[in-house]
Amino acid sequence: MSTNDCSLSDHEYRLAGIPQELDATLRRRAEMEGKPLPQVAVEAMARGVGIELVGSSGFDDLAGSWVSDPVCEQALDAMREHIDPELWP
């Protein structure tokens, strides 16, 4: 599968005659992934022609990448002790 930059172009497609099953599947996937329908459709088209889009329009690549760091946690806990509860209820 080739890899291409995910930067957007000015090209716009308006498609007619989308089979009902494809429409329903794309809409379900968009709902499940919490993405806009056009984004899911573009991703599906890219996969269909063997292109893997690189990059993202958000922080999807960071999801699930958290690594616990005890030193960082200690520092955050120390900061939390100095939060004024009247300013930040």
N, C-alpha and C. Protein backbone atom coordinates (compact mmCIF):
# COMPACT_ATOMS: atom_id res chain seq x y z
N MET A 1 0.85 -1.17 0.00
CA MET A 1 0.00 0.00 0.00
C MET A 1 0.89 1.23 0.00
N SER A 2 0.65 2.17 -0.90
CA SER A 2 1.46 3.38 -0.92
C SER A 2 1.02 4.33 0.18
N THR A 3 1.91 5.26 0.51
CA THR A 3 1.63 6.21 1.58
C THR A 3 1.65 7.61 1.01
N ASN A 4 0.64 8.41 1.33
CA ASN A 4 0.57 9.77 0.83
C ASN A 4 0.27 10.73 1.96
N ASP A 5 0.74 11.96 1.80
CA ASP A 5 0.47 13.01 2.77
C ASP A 5 -1.02 13.27 2.81
N CYS A 6 -1.54 13.51 3.99
CA CYS A 6 -2.98 13.70 4.18
C CYS A 6 -3.39 15.16 4.04
N SER A 7 -2.54 16.01 3.48
CA SER A 7 -2.91 17.41 3.34
C SER A 7 -4.08 17.52 2.36
N LEU A 8 -4.94 18.48 2.63
CA LEU A 8 -6.16 18.61 1.84
C LEU A 8 -5.91 19.38 0.56
N SER A 9 -6.65 19.03 -0.48
CA SER A 9 -6.58 19.76 -1.73
C SER A 9 -7.87 20.56 -1.91
N ASP A 10 -7.94 21.31 -2.98
CA ASP A 10 -9.15 22.08 -3.28
C ASP A 10 -10.17 21.26 -4.07
N HIS A 11 -9.87 19.99 -4.32
CA HIS A 11 -10.78 19.16 -5.11
C HIS A 11 -12.01 18.78 -4.30
N GLU A 12 -13.14 18.81 -4.97
CA GLU A 12 -14.39 18.44 -4.32
C GLU A 12 -15.12 17.45 -5.21
N TYR A 13 -15.65 16.40 -4.60
CA TYR A 13 -16.40 15.39 -5.33
C TYR A 13 -17.85 15.41 -4.84
N ARG A 14 -18.76 15.34 -5.78
CA ARG A 14 -20.17 15.16 -5.46
C ARG A 14 -20.59 13.88 -6.15
N LEU A 15 -20.92 12.89 -5.35
CA LEU A 15 -21.23 11.58 -5.90
C LEU A 15 -22.71 11.28 -5.80
N ALA A 16 -23.23 10.69 -6.85
CA ALA A 16 -24.64 10.27 -6.87
C ALA A 16 -24.66 8.76 -7.08
N GLY A 17 -25.77 8.15 -6.76
CA GLY A 17 -25.92 6.72 -6.99
C GLY A 17 -25.15 5.86 -6.00
N ILE A 18 -25.00 6.34 -4.77
CA ILE A 18 -24.31 5.57 -3.74
C ILE A 18 -25.25 4.43 -3.31
N PRO A 19 -24.80 3.18 -3.42
CA PRO A 19 -25.66 2.07 -3.00
C PRO A 19 -26.05 2.21 -1.53
N GLN A 20 -27.29 1.83 -1.20
CA GLN A 20 -27.81 1.97 0.17
C GLN A 20 -26.93 1.26 1.19
N GLU A 21 -26.44 0.08 0.86
CA GLU A 21 -25.61 -0.67 1.80
C GLU A 21 -24.30 0.07 2.09
N LEU A 22 -23.70 0.66 1.05
CA LEU A 22 -22.48 1.44 1.24
C LEU A 22 -22.76 2.68 2.08
N ASP A 23 -23.85 3.37 1.79
CA ASP A 23 -24.22 4.55 2.56
C ASP A 23 -24.41 4.20 4.03
N ALA A 24 -25.15 3.13 4.29
CA ALA A 24 -25.41 2.71 5.67
C ALA A 24 -24.12 2.32 6.39
N THR A 25 -23.23 1.63 5.67
CA THR A 25 -21.97 1.19 6.27
C THR A 25 -21.09 2.38 6.60
N LEU A 26 -20.98 3.33 5.69
CA LEU A 26 -20.17 4.53 5.94
C LEU A 26 -20.73 5.34 7.11
N ARG A 27 -22.04 5.47 7.14
CA ARG A 27 -22.67 6.23 8.23
C ARG A 27 -22.46 5.54 9.59
N ARG A 28 -22.57 4.21 9.60
CA ARG A 28 -22.32 3.47 10.86
C ARG A 28 -20.87 3.66 11.31
N ARG A 29 -19.95 3.55 10.37
CA ARG A 29 -18.54 3.71 10.72
C ARG A 29 -18.26 5.11 11.23
N ALA A 30 -18.84 6.12 10.59
CA ALA A 30 -18.65 7.51 11.04
C ALA A 30 -19.16 7.67 12.45
N GLU A 31 -20.31 7.09 12.74
CA GLU A 31 -20.89 7.17 14.09
C GLU A 31 -20.01 6.44 15.10
N MET A 32 -19.56 5.25 14.75
CA MET A 32 -18.73 4.45 15.66
C MET A 32 -17.39 5.13 15.96
N GLU A 33 -16.80 5.75 14.93
CA GLU A 33 -15.49 6.36 15.09
C GLU A 33 -15.57 7.82 15.53
N GLY A 34 -16.78 8.36 15.57
CA GLY A 34 -16.94 9.75 15.97
C GLY A 34 -16.32 10.72 14.98
N LYS A 35 -16.39 10.37 13.70
CA LYS A 35 -15.81 11.20 12.64
C LYS A 35 -16.91 11.69 11.71
N PRO A 36 -16.65 12.79 11.01
CA PRO A 36 -17.63 13.25 10.02
C PRO A 36 -17.72 12.25 8.85
N LEU A 37 -18.91 12.12 8.29
CA LEU A 37 -19.13 11.21 7.18
C LEU A 37 -18.16 11.45 6.01
N PRO A 38 -17.93 12.72 5.59
CA PRO A 38 -17.00 12.91 4.47
C PRO A 38 -15.59 12.38 4.76
N GLN A 39 -15.13 12.52 6.00
CA GLN A 39 -13.80 12.02 6.34
C GLN A 39 -13.74 10.50 6.23
N VAL A 40 -14.78 9.84 6.73
CA VAL A 40 -14.84 8.38 6.66
C VAL A 40 -14.90 7.93 5.19
N ALA A 41 -15.65 8.65 4.37
CA ALA A 41 -15.76 8.31 2.95
C ALA A 41 -14.41 8.45 2.24
N VAL A 42 -13.68 9.52 2.53
CA VAL A 42 -12.36 9.73 1.91
C VAL A 42 -11.39 8.63 2.35
N GLU A 43 -11.41 8.29 3.64
CA GLU A 43 -10.54 7.22 4.13
C GLU A 43 -10.86 5.90 3.44
N ALA A 44 -12.16 5.61 3.25
CA ALA A 44 -12.57 4.37 2.59
C ALA A 44 -12.14 4.37 1.12
N MET A 45 -12.28 5.51 0.45
CA MET A 45 -11.84 5.59 -0.95
C MET A 45 -10.34 5.37 -1.05
N ALA A 46 -9.58 5.98 -0.15
CA ALA A 46 -8.13 5.83 -0.16
C ALA A 46 -7.74 4.36 0.01
N ARG A 47 -8.35 3.70 1.00
CA ARG A 47 -8.06 2.28 1.21
C ARG A 47 -8.42 1.46 -0.03
N GLY A 48 -9.53 1.82 -0.66
CA GLY A 48 -10.01 1.08 -1.82
C GLY A 48 -9.07 1.14 -3.01
N VAL A 49 -8.29 2.21 -3.12
CA VAL A 49 -7.34 2.33 -4.23
C VAL A 49 -5.90 2.07 -3.78
N GLY A 50 -5.75 1.59 -2.54
CA GLY A 50 -4.42 1.19 -2.07
C GLY A 50 -3.55 2.30 -1.56
N ILE A 51 -4.16 3.38 -1.09
CA ILE A 51 -3.40 4.51 -0.54
C ILE A 51 -3.62 4.56 0.96
N GLU A 52 -2.52 4.68 1.70
CA GLU A 52 -2.62 4.87 3.14
C GLU A 52 -2.34 6.33 3.42
N LEU A 53 -3.34 7.03 3.94
CA LEU A 53 -3.19 8.45 4.22
C LEU A 53 -2.33 8.63 5.47
N VAL A 54 -1.34 9.50 5.38
CA VAL A 54 -0.45 9.77 6.50
C VAL A 54 -0.78 11.13 7.05
N GLY A 55 -0.75 11.25 8.35
CA GLY A 55 -1.11 12.51 8.98
C GLY A 55 -2.54 12.43 9.46
N SER A 56 -2.95 13.46 10.13
CA SER A 56 -4.31 13.48 10.64
C SER A 56 -4.75 14.91 10.82
N SER A 57 -6.03 15.06 11.03
CA SER A 57 -6.56 16.39 11.28
C SER A 57 -6.74 16.63 12.77
N GLY A 58 -6.24 15.70 13.60
CA GLY A 58 -6.41 15.84 15.03
C GLY A 58 -5.28 15.15 15.77
N PHE A 59 -5.62 14.56 16.88
CA PHE A 59 -4.63 13.90 17.72
C PHE A 59 -4.85 12.40 17.78
N ASP A 60 -5.45 11.84 16.71
CA ASP A 60 -5.75 10.41 16.70
C ASP A 60 -4.51 9.55 16.91
N ASP A 61 -3.37 10.00 16.39
CA ASP A 61 -2.15 9.21 16.51
C ASP A 61 -1.64 9.15 17.94
N LEU A 62 -2.13 10.02 18.82
CA LEU A 62 -1.71 10.01 20.21
C LEU A 62 -2.58 9.12 21.09
N ALA A 63 -3.76 8.79 20.60
CA ALA A 63 -4.70 8.00 21.39
C ALA A 63 -4.06 6.67 21.79
N GLY A 64 -4.12 6.37 23.08
CA GLY A 64 -3.59 5.11 23.58
C GLY A 64 -2.09 5.08 23.76
N SER A 65 -1.43 6.22 23.62
CA SER A 65 0.03 6.23 23.69
C SER A 65 0.58 6.70 25.04
N TRP A 66 -0.31 6.97 26.01
CA TRP A 66 0.13 7.47 27.31
C TRP A 66 1.00 6.44 28.02
N VAL A 67 2.13 6.90 28.54
CA VAL A 67 3.01 6.06 29.34
C VAL A 67 3.14 6.74 30.70
N SER A 68 2.79 6.01 31.74
CA SER A 68 2.85 6.58 33.08
C SER A 68 4.30 6.85 33.47
N ASP A 69 4.52 8.01 34.07
CA ASP A 69 5.85 8.42 34.51
C ASP A 69 5.73 8.87 35.96
N PRO A 70 6.25 8.09 36.91
CA PRO A 70 6.10 8.42 38.32
C PRO A 70 6.65 9.81 38.68
N VAL A 71 7.74 10.22 38.08
CA VAL A 71 8.32 11.54 38.38
C VAL A 71 7.36 12.64 37.93
N CYS A 72 6.78 12.46 36.74
CA CYS A 72 5.80 13.44 36.23
C CYS A 72 4.57 13.46 37.14
N GLU A 73 4.10 12.31 37.55
CA GLU A 73 2.93 12.24 38.42
C GLU A 73 3.20 12.96 39.75
N GLN A 74 4.39 12.80 40.30
CA GLN A 74 4.75 13.49 41.54
C GLN A 74 4.72 15.00 41.35
N ALA A 75 5.26 15.45 40.23
CA ALA A 75 5.28 16.88 39.95
C ALA A 75 3.86 17.42 39.80
N LEU A 76 3.00 16.68 39.12
CA LEU A 76 1.61 17.11 38.95
C LEU A 76 0.89 17.14 40.29
N ASP A 77 1.12 16.13 41.11
CA ASP A 77 0.50 16.10 42.44
C ASP A 77 0.94 17.30 43.27
N ALA A 78 2.22 17.66 43.20
CA ALA A 78 2.73 18.82 43.94
C ALA A 78 2.06 20.10 43.46
N MET A 79 1.84 20.21 42.16
CA MET A 79 1.18 21.40 41.61
C MET A 79 -0.27 21.46 42.07
N ARG A 80 -0.93 20.31 42.10
CA ARG A 80 -2.34 20.27 42.51
C ARG A 80 -2.53 20.76 43.94
N GLU A 81 -1.53 20.56 44.78
CA GLU A 81 -1.62 21.01 46.17
C GLU A 81 -1.69 22.54 46.28
N HIS A 82 -1.24 23.24 45.26
CA HIS A 82 -1.19 24.70 45.30
C HIS A 82 -2.35 25.34 44.56
N ILE A 83 -3.30 24.56 44.11
CA ILE A 83 -4.46 25.11 43.41
C ILE A 83 -5.42 25.70 44.43
N ASP A 84 -5.81 26.92 44.21
CA ASP A 84 -6.74 27.61 45.11
C ASP A 84 -8.16 27.13 44.79
N PRO A 85 -8.79 26.39 45.73
CA PRO A 85 -10.12 25.85 45.46
C PRO A 85 -11.19 26.92 45.26
N GLU A 86 -10.93 28.14 45.76
CA GLU A 86 -11.90 29.22 45.53
C GLU A 86 -11.84 29.70 44.08
N LEU A 87 -10.66 29.61 43.47
CA LEU A 87 -10.53 30.02 42.07
C LEU A 87 -10.91 28.87 41.13
N TRP A 88 -10.67 27.64 41.55
CA TRP A 88 -10.93 26.46 40.74
C TRP A 88 -11.75 25.45 41.55
N PRO A 89 -13.06 25.69 41.67
CA PRO A 89 -13.90 24.79 42.48
C PRO A 89 -13.99 23.38 41.90
